[in-house]
Amino acid sequence: MESTMETAMETAMETDVAALRHKLNSETGRIAWPQLQRHFARGVVIHVSPQLDLVEVACHVAMDARDQVAAWMDAGGLGPADARQAADWHARNAEFWAVVTAPWVLIQECRDDDERGRRS
């Protein structure tokens, strides 16, 4: 009986994660750096490296998966945007894919060959 209950709970959790991933994916959109500057000034912009999946990272942030988020941060895969990056993005008028997981705005720079920008 307990294994059936555990299986049901795991299935429910997987469904919740899939729903969250779908929600975040649908809320992800393109934005230019000038529209992000005020969020940068508030210190809430988190840069996600192109090697990571933006929606996957947002899902982990939203679920407060601290160990995974810390591992990505330790590996340099994500972290607060800094002044050097901001100056570069401003000079190039860079465009990003962005998703909000309050209070954070997670961004990933658009690639030239990036039609959708989201990897889901």
Protein backbone atom coordinates (compact mmCIF):
# COMPACT_ATOMS: atom_id res chain seq x y z
CA MET A 1 0.00 0.00 0.00
CA GLU A 2 2.80 2.43 0.87
CA SER A 3 4.53 1.98 -2.49
CA THR A 4 1.26 2.78 -4.28
CA MET A 5 0.92 5.93 -2.22
CA GLU A 6 4.55 6.91 -2.91
CA THR A 7 4.04 6.31 -6.62
CA ALA A 8 0.91 8.48 -6.59
CA MET A 9 2.78 11.26 -4.78
CA GLU A 10 5.69 11.07 -7.24
CA THR A 11 3.28 11.21 -10.16
CA ALA A 12 1.54 14.24 -8.64
CA MET A 13 4.90 15.99 -8.12
CA GLU A 14 5.95 15.25 -11.71
CA THR A 15 2.63 16.66 -12.92
CA ASP A 16 3.15 19.80 -10.81
CA VAL A 17 6.68 20.26 -12.17
CA ALA A 18 5.47 19.77 -15.74
CA ALA A 19 2.70 22.33 -15.19
CA LEU A 20 5.19 24.81 -13.71
CA ARG A 21 7.60 24.26 -16.60
CA HIS A 22 4.75 24.83 -19.10
CA LYS A 23 3.65 28.00 -17.26
CA LEU A 24 7.17 29.44 -17.17
CA ASN A 25 7.77 28.56 -20.81
CA SER A 26 4.57 30.37 -21.81
CA GLU A 27 5.62 33.42 -19.76
CA THR A 28 9.07 33.64 -21.36
CA GLY A 29 9.50 36.46 -23.84
CA ARG A 30 11.98 38.56 -25.74
CA ILE A 31 13.11 41.86 -24.27
CA ALA A 32 15.81 44.41 -25.14
CA TRP A 33 18.37 45.61 -22.61
CA PRO A 34 16.87 49.13 -22.21
CA GLN A 35 13.69 47.56 -20.80
CA LEU A 36 15.77 45.48 -18.36
CA GLN A 37 17.90 48.33 -17.02
CA ARG A 38 15.47 49.33 -14.27
CA HIS A 39 15.40 45.73 -13.04
CA PHE A 40 19.21 45.65 -13.14
CA ALA A 41 19.27 48.85 -11.06
CA ARG A 42 17.10 47.08 -8.45
CA GLY A 43 19.57 44.16 -8.37
CA VAL A 44 17.10 41.50 -9.48
CA VAL A 45 18.52 40.49 -12.88
CA ILE A 46 20.03 37.01 -12.95
CA HIS A 47 22.06 36.06 -16.01
CA VAL A 48 21.72 32.46 -17.25
CA SER A 49 24.53 31.13 -19.43
CA PRO A 50 23.70 29.86 -22.93
CA GLN A 51 24.75 26.36 -21.85
CA LEU A 52 21.74 26.12 -19.53
CA ASP A 53 18.05 25.86 -20.35
CA LEU A 54 16.41 29.12 -19.23
CA VAL A 55 13.05 27.52 -18.43
CA GLU A 56 14.69 24.65 -16.53
CA VAL A 57 16.67 27.13 -14.43
CA ALA A 58 13.54 29.21 -13.80
CA CYS A 59 11.69 26.08 -12.73
CA HIS A 60 14.39 25.24 -10.18
CA VAL A 61 14.46 28.81 -8.89
CA ALA A 62 10.66 28.85 -8.55
CA MET A 63 10.74 25.51 -6.69
CA ASP A 64 13.49 26.83 -4.38
CA ALA A 65 15.79 23.96 -5.39
CA ARG A 66 18.73 25.54 -3.57
CA ASP A 67 21.25 22.73 -4.10
CA GLN A 68 20.85 22.73 -7.89
CA VAL A 69 20.78 26.53 -8.13
CA ALA A 70 23.93 26.73 -5.96
CA ALA A 71 25.65 24.15 -8.16
CA TRP A 72 24.89 26.19 -11.28
CA MET A 73 26.11 29.34 -9.56
CA ASP A 74 29.32 27.64 -8.39
CA ALA A 75 29.94 26.44 -11.96
CA GLY A 76 29.39 29.97 -13.34
CA GLY A 77 26.19 29.01 -15.13
CA LEU A 78 24.11 31.71 -13.52
CA GLY A 79 24.45 34.65 -11.23
CA PRO A 80 23.56 38.27 -10.69
CA ALA A 81 24.23 40.49 -13.69
CA ASP A 82 27.20 42.74 -13.03
CA ALA A 83 28.18 46.24 -14.15
CA ARG A 84 30.63 44.97 -16.78
CA GLN A 85 27.91 42.84 -18.40
CA ALA A 86 25.41 45.70 -18.21
CA ALA A 87 27.82 48.08 -19.97
CA ASP A 88 28.42 45.52 -22.72
CA TRP A 89 24.70 44.84 -23.16
CA HIS A 90 23.98 48.58 -23.25
CA ALA A 91 26.66 49.20 -25.90
CA ARG A 92 25.26 46.42 -28.09
CA ASN A 93 21.57 47.01 -27.29
CA ALA A 94 21.45 43.28 -26.59
CA GLU A 95 18.24 41.26 -26.71
CA PHE A 96 17.31 38.56 -24.24
CA TRP A 97 14.82 35.88 -23.45
CA ALA A 98 13.47 36.64 -19.99
CA VAL A 99 11.20 35.05 -17.44
CA VAL A 100 10.18 36.31 -14.02
CA THR A 101 10.36 34.11 -10.95
CA ALA A 102 9.64 36.81 -8.39
CA PRO A 103 11.54 38.63 -7.23
CA TRP A 104 14.08 37.62 -9.89
CA VAL A 105 14.19 38.37 -13.60
CA LEU A 106 16.13 35.56 -15.27
CA ILE A 107 17.68 36.49 -18.61
CA GLN A 108 19.55 34.68 -21.35
CA GLU A 109 20.97 36.52 -24.32
CA CYS A 110 19.35 35.68 -27.65
CA ARG A 111 21.56 33.92 -30.14
CA ASP A 112 21.71 34.91 -33.81
CA ASP A 113 20.25 31.56 -34.85
CA ASP A 114 17.66 31.60 -32.08
CA GLU A 115 14.15 31.64 -33.50
CA ARG A 116 12.33 30.76 -30.29
CA GLY A 117 15.08 31.26 -27.74
CA ARG A 118 13.50 28.79 -25.38
CA ARG A 119 14.68 25.25 -25.08
CA SER A 120 11.79 23.25 -23.78
